[in-house]
Amino acid sequence: MPFIAQNGRIEVVVPAGRKIAISSYGAGQTIIYYLNQPSQYPAAFYEASRLSNSTGTFGTFTADRTVAIEAGPTCQVEYVIGTSPSLTEQAFNPNNVVAV
């Protein structure tokens, strides 16, 4: 599963009909943002949720949706996209960090 390191941020596209599961490890908060679609501000994101040492599943989207995941300074994040996404819930592995 892809991981995001502390203070990392990534934008992923969740295809229509899919969900994204996100797990935040550590004491900090992970913030999940959705890109407004459609919007009068095409690049505008809005805050959808905060996770603190917990897991959340977001979607099912009716159209492709850009989701931004922002890891806090004291946490790492694992995420997976699918119809029934399942997280490994393994400890953070720096070898699996997604470059941001």
PDB file of N, CA and C in Angstrom:
ATOM      1  N   MET A   1       0.833  -1.180   0.000  1.00  0.00           N
ATOM      2  CA  MET A   1       0.000   0.000   0.000  1.00  0.00           C
ATOM      3  C   MET A   1       0.876   1.242   0.000  1.00  0.00           C
ATOM      4  N   PRO A   2       0.428   2.272  -0.652  1.00  0.00           N
ATOM      5  CA  PRO A   2       1.214   3.516  -0.633  1.00  0.00           C
ATOM      6  C   PRO A   2       1.173   4.183   0.744  1.00  0.00           C
ATOM      7  N   PHE A   3       2.290   4.744   1.122  1.00  0.00           N
ATOM      8  CA  PHE A   3       2.419   5.474   2.374  1.00  0.00           C
ATOM      9  C   PHE A   3       2.835   6.905   2.073  1.00  0.00           C
ATOM     10  N   ILE A   4       2.523   7.813   2.963  1.00  0.00           N
ATOM     11  CA  ILE A   4       2.954   9.197   2.880  1.00  0.00           C
ATOM     12  C   ILE A   4       3.681   9.508   4.184  1.00  0.00           C
ATOM     13  N   ALA A   5       4.858  10.111   4.073  1.00  0.00           N
ATOM     14  CA  ALA A   5       5.657  10.415   5.254  1.00  0.00           C
ATOM     15  C   ALA A   5       5.132  11.642   5.980  1.00  0.00           C
ATOM     16  N   GLN A   6       5.705  11.903   7.150  1.00  0.00           N
ATOM     17  CA  GLN A   6       5.353  13.080   7.946  1.00  0.00           C
ATOM     18  C   GLN A   6       5.456  14.342   7.099  1.00  0.00           C
ATOM     19  N   ASN A   7       4.487  15.237   7.269  1.00  0.00           N
ATOM     20  CA  ASN A   7       4.416  16.511   6.549  1.00  0.00           C
ATOM     21  C   ASN A   7       4.264  16.340   5.041  1.00  0.00           C
ATOM     22  N   GLY A   8       3.974  15.137   4.581  1.00  0.00           N
ATOM     23  CA  GLY A   8       3.806  14.906   3.148  1.00  0.00           C
ATOM     24  C   GLY A   8       2.400  15.244   2.685  1.00  0.00           C
ATOM     25  N   ARG A   9       2.278  15.529   1.409  1.00  0.00           N
ATOM     26  CA  ARG A   9       0.973  15.811   0.797  1.00  0.00           C
ATOM     27  C   ARG A   9       0.980  15.200  -0.592  1.00  0.00           C
ATOM     28  N   ILE A  10      -0.133  14.575  -0.943  1.00  0.00           N
ATOM     29  CA  ILE A  10      -0.269  13.991  -2.264  1.00  0.00           C
ATOM     30  C   ILE A  10      -1.697  14.197  -2.743  1.00  0.00           C
ATOM     31  N   GLU A  11      -1.862  14.304  -4.048  1.00  0.00           N
ATOM     32  CA  GLU A  11      -3.186  14.362  -4.649  1.00  0.00           C
ATOM     33  C   GLU A  11      -3.355  13.111  -5.490  1.00  0.00           C
ATOM     34  N   VAL A  12      -4.469  12.417  -5.273  1.00  0.00           N
ATOM     35  CA  VAL A  12      -4.774  11.204  -6.028  1.00  0.00           C
ATOM     36  C   VAL A  12      -6.155  11.349  -6.642  1.00  0.00           C
ATOM     37  N   VAL A  13      -6.356  10.693  -7.771  1.00  0.00           N
ATOM     38  CA  VAL A  13      -7.671  10.696  -8.409  1.00  0.00           C
ATOM     39  C   VAL A  13      -8.362   9.391  -8.062  1.00  0.00           C
ATOM     40  N   VAL A  14      -9.534   9.503  -7.465  1.00  0.00           N
ATOM     41  CA  VAL A  14     -10.351   8.333  -7.141  1.00  0.00           C
ATOM     42  C   VAL A  14     -11.360   8.178  -8.274  1.00  0.00           C
ATOM     43  N   PRO A  15     -11.298   7.094  -9.039  1.00  0.00           N
ATOM     44  CA  PRO A  15     -12.210   6.926 -10.164  1.00  0.00           C
ATOM     45  C   PRO A  15     -13.665   6.806  -9.709  1.00  0.00           C
ATOM     46  N   ALA A  16     -14.572   7.155 -10.602  1.00  0.00           N
ATOM     47  CA  ALA A  16     -16.006   7.032 -10.324  1.00  0.00           C
ATOM     48  C   ALA A  16     -16.326   5.607  -9.881  1.00  0.00           C
ATOM     49  N   GLY A  17     -17.179   5.495  -8.879  1.00  0.00           N
ATOM     50  CA  GLY A  17     -17.587   4.190  -8.372  1.00  0.00           C
ATOM     51  C   GLY A  17     -16.613   3.566  -7.394  1.00  0.00           C
ATOM     52  N   ARG A  18     -15.526   4.256  -7.089  1.00  0.00           N
ATOM     53  CA  ARG A  18     -14.518   3.722  -6.170  1.00  0.00           C
ATOM     54  C   ARG A  18     -14.517   4.485  -4.853  1.00  0.00           C
ATOM     55  N   LYS A  19     -13.858   3.907  -3.869  1.00  0.00           N
ATOM     56  CA  LYS A  19     -13.690   4.521  -2.554  1.00  0.00           C
ATOM     57  C   LYS A  19     -12.204   4.654  -2.277  1.00  0.00           C
ATOM     58  N   ILE A  20     -11.875   5.487  -1.306  1.00  0.00           N
ATOM     59  CA  ILE A  20     -10.502   5.577  -0.830  1.00  0.00           C
ATOM     60  C   ILE A  20     -10.519   5.363   0.682  1.00  0.00           C
ATOM     61  N   ALA A  21      -9.668   4.455   1.137  1.00  0.00           N
ATOM     62  CA  ALA A  21      -9.509   4.210   2.570  1.00  0.00           C
ATOM     63  C   ALA A  21      -8.186   4.828   2.986  1.00  0.00           C
ATOM     64  N   ILE A  22      -8.202   5.540   4.101  1.00  0.00           N
ATOM     65  CA  ILE A  22      -7.020   6.253   4.577  1.00  0.00           C
ATOM     66  C   ILE A  22      -6.842   5.944   6.056  1.00  0.00           C
ATOM     67  N   SER A  23      -5.606   5.628   6.439  1.00  0.00           N
ATOM     68  CA  SER A  23      -5.298   5.373   7.837  1.00  0.00           C
ATOM     69  C   SER A  23      -4.161   6.280   8.262  1.00  0.00           C
ATOM     70  N   SER A  24      -4.343   6.943   9.394  1.00  0.00           N
ATOM     71  CA  SER A  24      -3.351   7.859   9.938  1.00  0.00           C
ATOM     72  C   SER A  24      -2.706   7.203  11.156  1.00  0.00           C
ATOM     73  N   TYR A  25      -1.377   7.111  11.145  1.00  0.00           N
ATOM     74  CA  TYR A  25      -0.634   6.516  12.244  1.00  0.00           C
ATOM     75  C   TYR A  25       0.112   7.609  12.991  1.00  0.00           C
ATOM     76  N   GLY A  26       0.092   7.561  14.294  1.00  0.00           N
ATOM     77  CA  GLY A  26       0.831   8.530  15.089  1.00  0.00           C
ATOM     78  C   GLY A  26      -0.097   9.511  15.782  1.00  0.00           C
ATOM     79  N   ALA A  27       0.510  10.489  16.447  1.00  0.00           N
ATOM     80  CA  ALA A  27      -0.263  11.402  17.286  1.00  0.00           C
ATOM     81  C   ALA A  27      -0.843  12.592  16.520  1.00  0.00           C
ATOM     82  N   GLY A  28      -0.311  12.879  15.342  1.00  0.00           N
ATOM     83  CA  GLY A  28      -0.774  14.056  14.606  1.00  0.00           C
ATOM     84  C   GLY A  28      -2.046  13.816  13.834  1.00  0.00           C
ATOM     85  N   GLN A  29      -2.484  14.859  13.149  1.00  0.00           N
ATOM     86  CA  GLN A  29      -3.700  14.764  12.348  1.00  0.00           C
ATOM     87  C   GLN A  29      -3.374  14.675  10.869  1.00  0.00           C
ATOM     88  N   THR A  30      -4.174  13.889  10.173  1.00  0.00           N
ATOM     89  CA  THR A  30      -4.139  13.828   8.721  1.00  0.00           C
ATOM     90  C   THR A  30      -5.393  14.520   8.224  1.00  0.00           C
ATOM     91  N   ILE A  31      -5.233  15.412   7.245  1.00  0.00           N
ATOM     92  CA  ILE A  31      -6.376  16.140   6.708  1.00  0.00           C
ATOM     93  C   ILE A  31      -6.652  15.648   5.296  1.00  0.00           C
ATOM     94  N   ILE A  32      -7.917  15.368   5.014  1.00  0.00           N
ATOM     95  CA  ILE A  32      -8.346  14.916   3.699  1.00  0.00           C
ATOM     96  C   ILE A  32      -9.139  16.041   3.054  1.00  0.00           C
ATOM     97  N   TYR A  33      -8.767  16.392   1.827  1.00  0.00           N
ATOM     98  CA  TYR A  33      -9.441  17.449   1.083  1.00  0.00           C
ATOM     99  C   TYR A  33     -10.004  16.868  -0.206  1.00  0.00           C
ATOM    100  N   TYR A  34     -11.161  17.392  -0.619  1.00  0.00           N
ATOM    101  CA  TYR A  34     -11.726  17.052  -1.922  1.00  0.00           C
ATOM    102  C   TYR A  34     -11.614  18.259  -2.819  1.00  0.00           C
ATOM    103  N   LEU A  35     -11.375  18.005  -4.096  1.00  0.00           N
ATOM    104  CA  LEU A  35     -11.399  19.079  -5.073  1.00  0.00           C
ATOM    105  C   LEU A  35     -12.847  19.309  -5.467  1.00  0.00           C
ATOM    106  N   ASN A  36     -13.294  20.568  -5.397  1.00  0.00           N
ATOM    107  CA  ASN A  36     -14.666  20.903  -5.787  1.00  0.00           C
ATOM    108  C   ASN A  36     -14.877  20.564  -7.248  1.00  0.00           C
ATOM    109  N   GLN A  37     -15.938  19.838  -7.541  1.00  0.00           N
ATOM    110  CA  GLN A  37     -16.269  19.485  -8.920  1.00  0.00           C
ATOM    111  C   GLN A  37     -17.774  19.421  -9.066  1.00  0.00           C
ATOM    112  N   PRO A  38     -18.412  20.219  -9.883  1.00  0.00           N
ATOM    113  CA  PRO A  38     -17.833  21.381 -10.553  1.00  0.00           C
ATOM    114  C   PRO A  38     -17.723  22.533  -9.571  1.00  0.00           C
ATOM    115  N   SER A  39     -16.978  23.536  -9.911  1.00  0.00           N
ATOM    116  CA  SER A  39     -16.788  24.659  -9.010  1.00  0.00           C
ATOM    117  C   SER A  39     -16.509  25.918  -9.803  1.00  0.00           C
ATOM    118  N   GLN A  40     -16.909  27.048  -9.237  1.00  0.00           N
ATOM    119  CA  GLN A  40     -16.535  28.301  -9.874  1.00  0.00           C
ATOM    120  C   GLN A  40     -15.058  28.585  -9.645  1.00  0.00           C
ATOM    121  N   TYR A  41     -14.448  27.840  -8.736  1.00  0.00           N
ATOM    122  CA  TYR A  41     -13.021  27.937  -8.474  1.00  0.00           C
ATOM    123  C   TYR A  41     -12.415  26.569  -8.784  1.00  0.00           C
ATOM    124  N   PRO A  42     -12.040  26.319 -10.015  1.00  0.00           N
ATOM    125  CA  PRO A  42     -11.639  24.950 -10.413  1.00  0.00           C
ATOM    126  C   PRO A  42     -10.529  24.323  -9.576  1.00  0.00           C
ATOM    127  N   ALA A  43      -9.650  25.132  -9.002  1.00  0.00           N
ATOM    128  CA  ALA A  43      -8.556  24.555  -8.222  1.00  0.00           C
ATOM    129  C   ALA A  43      -8.849  24.570  -6.724  1.00  0.00           C
ATOM    130  N   ALA A  44     -10.080  24.841  -6.331  1.00  0.00           N
ATOM    131  CA  ALA A  44     -10.398  24.987  -4.916  1.00  0.00           C
ATOM    132  C   ALA A  44     -10.656  23.636  -4.257  1.00  0.00           C
ATOM    133  N   PHE A  45      -9.953  23.393  -3.162  1.00  0.00           N
ATOM    134  CA  PHE A  45     -10.184  22.200  -2.357  1.00  0.00           C
ATOM    135  C   PHE A  45     -10.960  22.599  -1.106  1.00  0.00           C
ATOM    136  N   TYR A  46     -11.742  21.689  -0.578  1.00  0.00           N
ATOM    137  CA  TYR A  46     -12.370  21.950   0.717  1.00  0.00           C
ATOM    138  C   TYR A  46     -12.051  20.791   1.646  1.00  0.00           C
ATOM    139  N   GLU A  47     -11.962  21.107   2.923  1.00  0.00           N
ATOM    140  CA  GLU A  47     -11.616  20.096   3.912  1.00  0.00           C
ATOM    141  C   GLU A  47     -12.783  19.144   4.097  1.00  0.00           C
ATOM    142  N   ALA A  48     -12.508  17.866   3.964  1.00  0.00           N
ATOM    143  CA  ALA A  48     -13.555  16.860   4.074  1.00  0.00           C
ATOM    144  C   ALA A  48     -13.527  16.153   5.427  1.00  0.00           C
ATOM    145  N   SER A  49     -12.333  15.940   5.966  1.00  0.00           N
ATOM    146  CA  SER A  49     -12.251  15.165   7.198  1.00  0.00           C
ATOM    147  C   SER A  49     -10.864  15.297   7.815  1.00  0.00           C
ATOM    148  N   ARG A  50     -10.791  14.979   9.094  1.00  0.00           N
ATOM    149  CA  ARG A  50      -9.513  14.886   9.805  1.00  0.00           C
ATOM    150  C   ARG A  50      -9.449  13.527  10.494  1.00  0.00           C
ATOM    151  N   LEU A  51      -8.289  12.910  10.413  1.00  0.00           N
ATOM    152  CA  LEU A  51      -8.070  11.634  11.083  1.00  0.00           C
ATOM    153  C   LEU A  51      -6.907  11.795  12.047  1.00  0.00           C
ATOM    154  N   SER A  52      -7.047  11.259  13.231  1.00  0.00           N
ATOM    155  CA  SER A  52      -5.982  11.273  14.213  1.00  0.00           C
ATOM    156  C   SER A  52      -5.830   9.868  14.780  1.00  0.00           C
ATOM    157  N   ASN A  53      -4.787   9.166  14.316  1.00  0.00           N
ATOM    158  CA  ASN A  53      -4.541   7.788  14.718  1.00  0.00           C
ATOM    159  C   ASN A  53      -5.780   6.928  14.525  1.00  0.00           C
ATOM    160  N   SER A  54      -6.388   7.067  13.349  1.00  0.00           N
ATOM    161  CA  SER A  54      -7.599   6.316  13.043  1.00  0.00           C
ATOM    162  C   SER A  54      -7.697   6.089  11.542  1.00  0.00           C
ATOM    163  N   THR A  55      -8.767   5.410  11.127  1.00  0.00           N
ATOM    164  CA  THR A  55      -8.978   5.045   9.730  1.00  0.00           C
ATOM    165  C   THR A  55     -10.327   5.540   9.262  1.00  0.00           C
ATOM    166  N   GLY A  56     -10.396   5.947   8.010  1.00  0.00           N
ATOM    167  CA  GLY A  56     -11.666   6.363   7.419  1.00  0.00           C
ATOM    168  C   GLY A  56     -11.747   5.899   5.981  1.00  0.00           C
ATOM    169  N   THR A  57     -12.974   5.654   5.511  1.00  0.00           N
ATOM    170  CA  THR A  57     -13.216   5.295   4.116  1.00  0.00           C
ATOM    171  C   THR A  57     -14.114   6.354   3.516  1.00  0.00           C
ATOM    172  N   PHE A  58     -13.734   6.853   2.343  1.00  0.00           N
ATOM    173  CA  PHE A  58     -14.421   7.977   1.718  1.00  0.00           C
ATOM    174  C   PHE A  58     -14.820   7.606   0.292  1.00  0.00           C
ATOM    175  N   GLY A  59     -15.940   8.076  -0.193  1.00  0.00           N
ATOM    176  CA  GLY A  59     -16.490   7.757  -1.510  1.00  0.00           C
ATOM    177  C   GLY A  59     -17.853   7.157  -1.247  1.00  0.00           C
ATOM    178  N   THR A  60     -18.486   6.514  -2.080  1.00  0.00           N
ATOM    179  CA  THR A  60     -18.271   6.182  -3.471  1.00  0.00           C
ATOM    180  C   THR A  60     -18.624   7.400  -4.317  1.00  0.00           C
ATOM    181  N   PHE A  61     -17.728   7.814  -5.214  1.00  0.00           N
ATOM    182  CA  PHE A  61     -17.933   9.008  -6.001  1.00  0.00           C
ATOM    183  C   PHE A  61     -18.645   8.667  -7.304  1.00  0.00           C
ATOM    184  N   THR A  62     -19.497   9.589  -7.758  1.00  0.00           N
ATOM    185  CA  THR A  62     -20.241   9.370  -8.997  1.00  0.00           C
ATOM    186  C   THR A  62     -19.437   9.786 -10.223  1.00  0.00           C
ATOM    187  N   ALA A  63     -18.354  10.535 -10.014  1.00  0.00           N
ATOM    188  CA  ALA A  63     -17.441  10.934 -11.077  1.00  0.00           C
ATOM    189  C   ALA A  63     -16.031  10.879 -10.510  1.00  0.00           C
ATOM    190  N   ASP A  64     -15.033  10.878 -11.395  1.00  0.00           N
ATOM    191  CA  ASP A  64     -13.655  10.917 -10.911  1.00  0.00           C
ATOM    192  C   ASP A  64     -13.497  12.097  -9.959  1.00  0.00           C
ATOM    193  N   ARG A  65     -12.807  11.879  -8.851  1.00  0.00           N
ATOM    194  CA  ARG A  65     -12.683  12.931  -7.840  1.00  0.00           C
ATOM    195  C   ARG A  65     -11.243  13.022  -7.376  1.00  0.00           C
ATOM    196  N   THR A  66     -10.690  14.224  -7.359  1.00  0.00           N
ATOM    197  CA  THR A  66      -9.341  14.421  -6.845  1.00  0.00           C
ATOM    198  C   THR A  66      -9.409  14.596  -5.328  1.00  0.00           C
ATOM    199  N   VAL A  67      -8.603  13.811  -4.635  1.00  0.00           N
ATOM    200  CA  VAL A  67      -8.538  13.858  -3.179  1.00  0.00           C
ATOM    201  C   VAL A  67      -7.101  14.192  -2.785  1.00  0.00           C
ATOM    202  N   ALA A  68      -6.944  15.177  -1.920  1.00  0.00           N
ATOM    203  CA  ALA A  68      -5.621  15.530  -1.396  1.00  0.00           C
ATOM    204  C   ALA A  68      -5.507  14.989   0.020  1.00  0.00           C
ATOM    205  N   ILE A  69      -4.383  14.365   0.307  1.00  0.00           N
ATOM    206  CA  ILE A  69      -4.128  13.808   1.629  1.00  0.00           C
ATOM    207  C   ILE A  69      -2.899  14.516   2.186  1.00  0.00           C
ATOM    208  N   GLU A  70      -3.044  15.087   3.367  1.00  0.00           N
ATOM    209  CA  GLU A  70      -1.961  15.865   3.968  1.00  0.00           C
ATOM    210  C   GLU A  70      -1.631  15.287   5.340  1.00  0.00           C
ATOM    211  N   ALA A  71      -0.435  14.720   5.462  1.00  0.00           N
ATOM    212  CA  ALA A  71      -0.001  14.140   6.738  1.00  0.00           C
ATOM    213  C   ALA A  71       0.546  15.233   7.639  1.00  0.00           C
ATOM    214  N   GLY A  72       0.219  15.163   8.901  1.00  0.00           N
ATOM    215  CA  GLY A  72       0.719  16.127   9.877  1.00  0.00           C
ATOM    216  C   GLY A  72       2.183  15.878  10.203  1.00  0.00           C
ATOM    217  N   PRO A  73       2.759  16.727  11.040  1.00  0.00           N
ATOM    218  CA  PRO A  73       4.188  16.622  11.345  1.00  0.00           C
ATOM    219  C   PRO A  73       4.572  15.425  12.205  1.00  0.00           C
ATOM    220  N   THR A  74       3.600  14.778  12.835  1.00  0.00           N
ATOM    221  CA  THR A  74       3.942  13.640  13.698  1.00  0.00           C
ATOM    222  C   THR A  74       3.156  12.385  13.330  1.00  0.00           C
ATOM    223  N   CYS A  75       2.781  12.269  12.064  1.00  0.00           N
ATOM    224  CA  CYS A  75       2.060  11.062  11.669  1.00  0.00           C
ATOM    225  C   CYS A  75       2.453  10.644  10.251  1.00  0.00           C
ATOM    226  N   GLN A  76       2.168   9.406   9.957  1.00  0.00           N
ATOM    227  CA  GLN A  76       2.343   8.864   8.621  1.00  0.00           C
ATOM    228  C   GLN A  76       0.995   8.330   8.170  1.00  0.00           C
ATOM    229  N   VAL A  77       0.837   8.184   6.861  1.00  0.00           N
ATOM    230  CA  VAL A  77      -0.465   7.830   6.311  1.00  0.00           C
ATOM    231  C   VAL A  77      -0.330   6.677   5.323  1.00  0.00           C
ATOM    232  N   GLU A  78      -1.291   5.775   5.371  1.00  0.00           N
ATOM    233  CA  GLU A  78      -1.420   4.713   4.381  1.00  0.00           C
ATOM    234  C   GLU A  78      -2.751   4.930   3.680  1.00  0.00           C
ATOM    235  N   TYR A  79      -2.789   4.696   2.365  1.00  0.00           N
ATOM    236  CA  TYR A  79      -4.070   4.817   1.666  1.00  0.00           C
ATOM    237  C   TYR A  79      -4.167   3.761   0.571  1.00  0.00           C
ATOM    238  N   VAL A  80      -5.402   3.446   0.197  1.00  0.00           N
ATOM    239  CA  VAL A  80      -5.654   2.503  -0.890  1.00  0.00           C
ATOM    240  C   VAL A  80      -6.977   2.879  -1.541  1.00  0.00           C
ATOM    241  N   ILE A  81      -7.050   2.703  -2.860  1.00  0.00           N
ATOM    242  CA  ILE A  81      -8.249   3.020  -3.635  1.00  0.00           C
ATOM    243  C   ILE A  81      -8.809   1.715  -4.187  1.00  0.00           C
ATOM    244  N   GLY A  82     -10.132   1.551  -4.140  1.00  0.00           N
ATOM    245  CA  GLY A  82     -10.756   0.357  -4.698  1.00  0.00           C
ATOM    246  C   GLY A  82     -12.245   0.349  -4.472  1.00  0.00           C
ATOM    247  N   THR A  83     -12.899  -0.725  -4.923  1.00  0.00           N
ATOM    248  CA  THR A  83     -14.335  -0.836  -4.698  1.00  0.00           C
ATOM    249  C   THR A  83     -14.623  -1.173  -3.240  1.00  0.00           C
ATOM    250  N   SER A  84     -13.775  -2.007  -2.652  1.00  0.00           N
ATOM    251  CA  SER A  84     -13.850  -2.325  -1.222  1.00  0.00           C
ATOM    252  C   SER A  84     -12.430  -2.257  -0.673  1.00  0.00           C
ATOM    253  N   PRO A  85     -11.891  -1.048  -0.533  1.00  0.00           N
ATOM    254  CA  PRO A  85     -10.478  -0.929  -0.169  1.00  0.00           C
ATOM    255  C   PRO A  85     -10.181  -1.512   1.202  1.00  0.00           C
ATOM    256  N   SER A  86      -9.060  -2.194   1.286  1.00  0.00           N
ATOM    257  CA  SER A  86      -8.645  -2.815   2.532  1.00  0.00           C
ATOM    258  C   SER A  86      -7.222  -2.384   2.846  1.00  0.00           C
ATOM    259  N   LEU A  87      -7.030  -1.768   3.989  1.00  0.00           N
ATOM    260  CA  LEU A  87      -5.714  -1.315   4.413  1.00  0.00           C
ATOM    261  C   LEU A  87      -4.941  -2.451   5.052  1.00  0.00           C
ATOM    262  N   THR A  88      -3.627  -2.409   4.928  1.00  0.00           N
ATOM    263  CA  THR A  88      -2.810  -3.455   5.541  1.00  0.00           C
ATOM    264  C   THR A  88      -2.747  -3.276   7.048  1.00  0.00           C
ATOM    265  N   GLU A  89      -2.894  -2.018   7.503  1.00  0.00           N
ATOM    266  CA  GLU A  89      -2.782  -1.668   8.908  1.00  0.00           C
ATOM    267  C   GLU A  89      -1.464  -2.148   9.493  1.00  0.00           C
ATOM    268  N   GLN A  90      -0.441  -2.162   8.636  1.00  0.00           N
ATOM    269  CA  GLN A  90       0.900  -2.486   9.097  1.00  0.00           C
ATOM    270  C   GLN A  90       1.577  -1.200   9.537  1.00  0.00           C
ATOM    271  N   ALA A  91       2.613  -1.356  10.307  1.00  0.00           N
ATOM    272  CA  ALA A  91       3.386  -0.194  10.739  1.00  0.00           C
ATOM    273  C   ALA A  91       3.963   0.528   9.526  1.00  0.00           C
ATOM    274  N   PHE A  92       4.153   1.812   9.666  1.00  0.00           N
ATOM    275  CA  PHE A  92       4.731   2.638   8.612  1.00  0.00           C
ATOM    276  C   PHE A  92       6.052   2.053   8.135  1.00  0.00           C
ATOM    277  N   ASN A  93       6.204   1.953   6.820  1.00  0.00           N
ATOM    278  CA  ASN A  93       7.426   1.413   6.230  1.00  0.00           C
ATOM    279  C   ASN A  93       8.027   2.462   5.307  1.00  0.00           C
ATOM    280  N   PRO A  94       9.149   3.081   5.679  1.00  0.00           N
ATOM    281  CA  PRO A  94       9.711   4.150   4.863  1.00  0.00           C
ATOM    282  C   PRO A  94      10.055   3.707   3.446  1.00  0.00           C
ATOM    283  N   ASN A  95      10.236   2.407   3.212  1.00  0.00           N
ATOM    284  CA  ASN A  95      10.530   1.924   1.870  1.00  0.00           C
ATOM    285  C   ASN A  95       9.333   2.042   0.934  1.00  0.00           C
ATOM    286  N   ASN A  96       8.133   2.236   1.496  1.00  0.00           N
ATOM    287  CA  ASN A  96       6.926   2.344   0.687  1.00  0.00           C
ATOM    288  C   ASN A  96       6.422   3.778   0.564  1.00  0.00           C
ATOM    289  N   VAL A  97       7.231   4.735   0.961  1.00  0.00           N
ATOM    290  CA  VAL A  97       6.797   6.134   0.952  1.00  0.00           C
ATOM    291  C   VAL A  97       6.629   6.615  -0.475  1.00  0.00           C
ATOM    292  N   VAL A  98       5.520   7.298  -0.723  1.00  0.00           N
ATOM    293  CA  VAL A  98       5.278   7.887  -2.028  1.00  0.00           C
ATOM    294  C   VAL A  98       6.021   9.211  -2.093  1.00  0.00           C
ATOM    295  N   ALA A  99       6.757   9.445  -3.157  1.00  0.00           N
ATOM    296  CA  ALA A  99       7.469  10.727  -3.305  1.00  0.00           C
ATOM    297  C   ALA A  99       6.465  11.848  -3.477  1.00  0.00           C
ATOM    298  N   VAL A 100       6.651  12.918  -2.726  1.00  0.00           N
ATOM    299  CA  VAL A 100       5.767  14.085  -2.846  1.00  0.00           C
ATOM    300  C   VAL A 100       6.588  15.323  -3.090  1.00  0.00           C
TER     301      VAL A 100
END
